[in-house]
């Protein structure tokens, strides 16, 4: 009986560790590892992310098993375990950003670049025969080496239908020093012969490609972004 209890405790601790890891992402892809395992369900008008419910349940029952053996007052009721489970997940997601930066610090190429997605956004403004790409890209060079590259921005579907280009290449070359954080402010104009004489389109863009003569690294968008893109 004691052996069985010990196994339950070990499994519970292992489960908490796995959930902690799976709540992270690679930064190049904003979807958590849990979302990639338990893929969301797509409906006509939206997406259902059930991976979050699975994560909460795994943490909740792990805490319940631990309390059954250890009698910890902070997790001795349904409500307290639920609150702790939600806090555990939020803290896991927050700490995983630092884990990702540490992981990227071991790279000597463009994989060492970390993108602050919360501080990054860009827009396409299309009017007559001119397209303006403007916004801000916030990045960190996590490595000990200088990184140099250019940036491609994915063209939104409605703009792509006008210019027939998958990406727009920004003209400026970026040079970022070791351990440096840079905010790149973009405001560039491109001349295209649009199919319509006058259109205005404004959308936040979420996919970027960093590239140089040796390689390229893609920073994908969220699942919501691709779902909305496929609707057009």
Protein backbone atom coordinates (compact mmCIF):
# COMPACT_ATOMS: atom_id res chain seq x y z
CA UNK A 1 0.00 0.00 0.00
CA UNK A 2 2.81 2.37 0.88
CA UNK A 3 4.56 1.55 -2.41
CA UNK A 4 1.37 2.39 -4.31
CA UNK A 5 1.11 5.73 -2.51
CA UNK A 6 4.75 6.52 -3.31
CA UNK A 7 4.14 5.74 -6.98
CA UNK A 8 1.14 8.09 -7.04
CA UNK A 9 3.26 10.84 -5.52
CA UNK A 10 6.08 10.30 -8.01
CA UNK A 11 3.63 10.26 -10.94
CA UNK A 12 2.00 13.46 -9.64
CA UNK A 13 5.34 15.28 -9.38
CA UNK A 14 6.37 14.06 -12.84
CA UNK A 15 3.01 15.24 -14.25
CA UNK A 16 3.51 18.71 -12.77
CA UNK A 17 6.99 18.83 -14.30
CA UNK A 18 5.68 17.80 -17.73
CA UNK A 19 2.87 20.37 -17.65
CA UNK A 20 5.43 23.03 -16.71
CA UNK A 21 7.55 22.13 -19.76
CA UNK A 22 4.59 21.76 -22.13
CA UNK A 23 3.22 25.20 -21.20
CA UNK A 24 6.26 26.71 -22.91
CA UNK A 25 6.93 27.40 -26.58
CA UNK A 26 9.94 27.84 -28.84
CA UNK A 27 9.29 31.57 -29.41
CA UNK A 28 9.63 30.89 -33.15
CA UNK A 29 6.20 29.29 -32.81
CA UNK A 30 3.92 30.99 -30.24
CA UNK A 31 1.74 27.90 -29.77
CA UNK A 32 2.54 26.01 -26.57
CA UNK A 33 3.85 22.46 -26.84
CA UNK A 34 0.60 21.35 -25.20
CA UNK A 35 -1.41 22.96 -28.01
CA UNK A 36 0.73 21.17 -30.58
CA UNK A 37 0.02 17.79 -28.94
CA UNK A 38 -3.67 18.43 -28.29
CA UNK A 39 -4.49 20.33 -31.45
CA UNK A 40 -7.40 22.79 -31.23
CA UNK A 41 -10.77 22.08 -32.81
CA UNK A 42 -11.66 24.35 -35.71
CA UNK A 43 -15.22 25.55 -36.20
CA UNK A 44 -16.69 27.72 -38.90
CA UNK A 45 -16.44 30.87 -36.80
CA UNK A 46 -13.68 30.12 -34.30
CA UNK A 47 -11.21 27.78 -32.59
CA UNK A 48 -11.64 25.77 -29.37
CA UNK A 49 -8.41 25.35 -27.37
CA UNK A 50 -9.15 22.33 -25.17
CA UNK A 51 -5.47 21.84 -24.28
CA UNK A 52 -5.86 24.45 -21.52
CA UNK A 53 -8.65 22.41 -19.90
CA UNK A 54 -6.48 19.27 -20.07
CA UNK A 55 -3.57 21.14 -18.47
CA UNK A 56 -5.72 22.41 -15.60
CA UNK A 57 -7.15 18.92 -14.99
CA UNK A 58 -3.69 17.33 -14.93
CA UNK A 59 -2.40 19.90 -12.45
CA UNK A 60 -5.57 19.72 -10.35
CA UNK A 61 -5.52 15.93 -9.92
CA UNK A 62 -1.77 15.94 -9.31
CA UNK A 63 -2.31 18.44 -6.49
CA UNK A 64 -5.17 16.32 -5.16
CA UNK A 65 -2.96 13.21 -5.02
CA UNK A 66 -0.19 15.16 -3.32
CA UNK A 67 -2.65 16.53 -0.74
CA UNK A 68 -4.02 13.05 -0.04
CA UNK A 69 -0.56 12.01 1.12
CA UNK A 70 1.01 15.22 2.39
CA UNK A 71 -2.08 17.02 3.80
CA UNK A 72 -1.07 20.49 2.58
CA UNK A 73 -3.53 23.16 3.73
CA UNK A 74 -3.12 25.30 0.61
CA UNK A 75 -4.50 22.52 -1.64
CA UNK A 76 -6.96 20.76 0.70
CA UNK A 77 -10.15 21.82 -1.08
CA UNK A 78 -11.57 21.89 -4.61
CA UNK A 79 -11.43 25.68 -4.87
CA UNK A 80 -7.91 26.03 -3.47
CA UNK A 81 -6.58 23.34 -5.81
CA UNK A 82 -8.27 25.01 -8.80
CA UNK A 83 -6.78 28.40 -7.89
CA UNK A 84 -3.31 26.90 -7.38
CA UNK A 85 -3.62 25.03 -10.71
CA UNK A 86 -4.41 28.25 -12.59
CA UNK A 87 -1.58 30.11 -10.83
CA UNK A 88 0.79 27.20 -11.60
CA UNK A 89 -0.01 27.44 -15.31
CA UNK A 90 0.37 31.22 -15.42
CA UNK A 91 3.73 31.06 -13.61
CA UNK A 92 4.86 28.22 -15.90
CA UNK A 93 4.14 30.27 -19.02
CA UNK A 94 5.96 33.26 -17.53
CA UNK A 95 9.04 31.29 -16.44
CA UNK A 96 9.23 29.49 -19.77
CA UNK A 97 10.03 32.78 -21.51
CA UNK A 98 13.27 32.90 -19.53
CA UNK A 99 13.94 29.22 -20.22
CA UNK A 100 13.59 29.87 -23.94
CA UNK A 101 16.03 32.79 -23.79
CA UNK A 102 18.57 30.58 -21.98
CA UNK A 103 18.11 27.87 -24.62
CA UNK A 104 18.59 30.39 -27.43
CA UNK A 105 21.75 31.74 -25.79
CA UNK A 106 23.55 28.51 -26.79
CA UNK A 107 22.94 29.21 -30.51
CA UNK A 108 25.50 31.04 -32.61
CA UNK A 109 23.23 31.75 -35.58
CA UNK A 110 19.86 33.41 -36.18
CA UNK A 111 18.19 30.93 -33.85
CA UNK A 112 19.69 33.04 -31.06
CA UNK A 113 17.20 35.82 -31.83
CA UNK A 114 14.27 36.12 -29.41
CA UNK A 115 11.21 38.10 -30.47
CA UNK A 116 9.14 40.00 -27.90
CA UNK A 117 5.76 39.31 -29.44
CA UNK A 118 3.86 41.47 -26.97
CA UNK A 119 5.90 44.46 -28.14
CA UNK A 120 5.84 43.59 -31.86
CA UNK A 121 3.22 44.62 -34.39
CA UNK A 122 3.09 45.88 -37.97
CA UNK A 123 0.49 47.04 -40.44
CA UNK A 124 0.00 47.16 -44.19
CA UNK A 125 -1.58 50.35 -45.48
CA UNK A 126 -2.59 50.12 -49.14
CA UNK A 127 -3.74 53.17 -51.03
CA UNK A 128 -3.73 53.64 -54.81
CA UNK A 129 -0.39 52.29 -56.09
CA UNK A 130 1.51 52.55 -52.84
CA UNK A 131 1.86 50.14 -49.94
CA UNK A 132 3.25 51.30 -46.61
CA UNK A 133 4.56 48.81 -44.07
CA UNK A 134 4.92 50.35 -40.64
CA UNK A 135 5.23 49.25 -37.04
CA UNK A 136 7.69 47.92 -34.51
CA UNK A 137 9.67 44.69 -34.12
CA UNK A 138 11.19 44.06 -30.70
CA UNK A 139 14.03 41.51 -30.60
CA UNK A 140 16.86 40.31 -28.37
CA UNK A 141 20.15 38.75 -29.44
CA UNK A 142 20.59 36.04 -26.79
CA UNK A 143 24.00 34.92 -28.10
CA UNK A 144 27.55 36.17 -27.58
CA UNK A 145 27.99 36.94 -31.28
CA UNK A 146 26.89 39.79 -33.56
CA UNK A 147 23.90 38.85 -35.73
CA UNK A 148 23.20 40.48 -39.08
CA UNK A 149 20.11 39.88 -41.17
CA UNK A 150 17.24 41.31 -43.19
CA UNK A 151 13.53 40.84 -42.53
CA UNK A 152 10.64 39.56 -44.63
CA UNK A 153 7.07 40.26 -43.53
CA UNK A 154 4.28 37.90 -44.54
CA UNK A 155 1.71 39.55 -46.75
CA UNK A 156 -1.88 39.31 -45.48
CA UNK A 157 -4.30 37.47 -47.78
CA UNK A 158 -6.24 40.53 -48.87
CA UNK A 159 -3.05 42.39 -49.73
CA UNK A 160 -1.53 39.34 -51.41
CA UNK A 161 -4.53 39.18 -53.74
CA UNK A 162 -3.51 42.64 -54.94
CA UNK A 163 0.26 42.35 -55.25
CA UNK A 164 0.75 38.56 -55.73
CA UNK A 165 3.63 38.44 -53.23
CA UNK A 166 3.90 36.05 -50.27
CA UNK A 167 6.34 38.32 -48.43
CA UNK A 168 7.50 41.92 -48.54
CA UNK A 169 11.25 42.34 -47.97
CA UNK A 170 12.22 45.28 -45.82
CA UNK A 171 15.16 47.27 -47.20
CA UNK A 172 17.12 47.90 -44.01
CA UNK A 173 19.76 45.44 -42.87
CA UNK A 174 19.74 44.82 -39.13
CA UNK A 175 22.87 44.48 -37.03
CA UNK A 176 22.38 43.53 -33.41
CA UNK A 177 25.18 43.10 -30.88
CA UNK A 178 25.54 40.30 -28.29
CA UNK A 179 22.93 40.35 -25.49
CA UNK A 180 21.41 43.48 -26.99
CA UNK A 181 17.69 44.30 -27.06
CA UNK A 182 16.59 46.30 -30.10
CA UNK A 183 13.31 47.93 -31.04
CA UNK A 184 13.17 48.24 -34.83
CA UNK A 185 10.77 50.95 -35.99
CA UNK A 186 9.61 50.27 -39.53
CA UNK A 187 8.09 52.73 -41.98
CA UNK A 188 8.74 51.76 -45.60
CA UNK A 189 6.89 52.41 -48.82
CA UNK A 190 6.63 50.05 -51.81
CA UNK A 191 5.32 50.82 -55.28
CA UNK A 192 2.97 48.18 -56.67
CA UNK A 193 0.46 48.25 -59.47
CA UNK A 194 -2.66 47.28 -57.60
CA UNK A 195 -5.58 45.50 -59.20
CA UNK A 196 -7.88 48.08 -57.65
CA UNK A 197 -7.16 51.77 -58.14
CA UNK A 198 -7.74 52.68 -54.53
CA UNK A 199 -7.87 50.39 -51.49
CA UNK A 200 -7.06 50.79 -47.84
CA UNK A 201 -6.14 47.77 -45.80
CA UNK A 202 -4.91 47.75 -42.24
CA UNK A 203 -4.04 44.58 -40.36
CA UNK A 204 -1.62 43.48 -37.69
CA UNK A 205 0.96 41.07 -39.06
CA UNK A 206 2.27 38.15 -37.03
CA UNK A 207 4.70 36.19 -39.24
CA UNK A 208 8.25 37.34 -39.90
CA UNK A 209 11.31 35.77 -41.52
CA UNK A 210 14.87 36.76 -40.56
CA UNK A 211 17.41 35.82 -43.22
CA UNK A 212 20.98 36.32 -44.40
CA UNK A 213 23.28 34.61 -46.90
CA UNK A 214 23.58 31.51 -44.71
CA UNK A 215 20.13 30.78 -43.34
CA UNK A 216 16.66 31.94 -42.51
CA UNK A 217 14.52 31.66 -39.38
CA UNK A 218 10.73 31.91 -39.35
CA UNK A 219 8.74 33.44 -36.51
CA UNK A 220 5.28 32.00 -37.07
CA UNK A 221 1.98 33.60 -36.21
CA UNK A 222 -0.66 32.40 -33.78
CA UNK A 223 -3.23 29.78 -34.78
CA UNK A 224 -5.89 32.49 -34.66
CA UNK A 225 -3.97 34.45 -37.27
CA UNK A 226 -3.78 31.55 -39.75
CA UNK A 227 -7.43 30.66 -39.09
CA UNK A 228 -8.48 34.21 -40.00
CA UNK A 229 -6.19 34.22 -43.04
CA UNK A 230 -7.76 31.02 -44.38
CA UNK A 231 -11.20 32.60 -44.21
CA UNK A 232 -10.31 34.96 -47.08
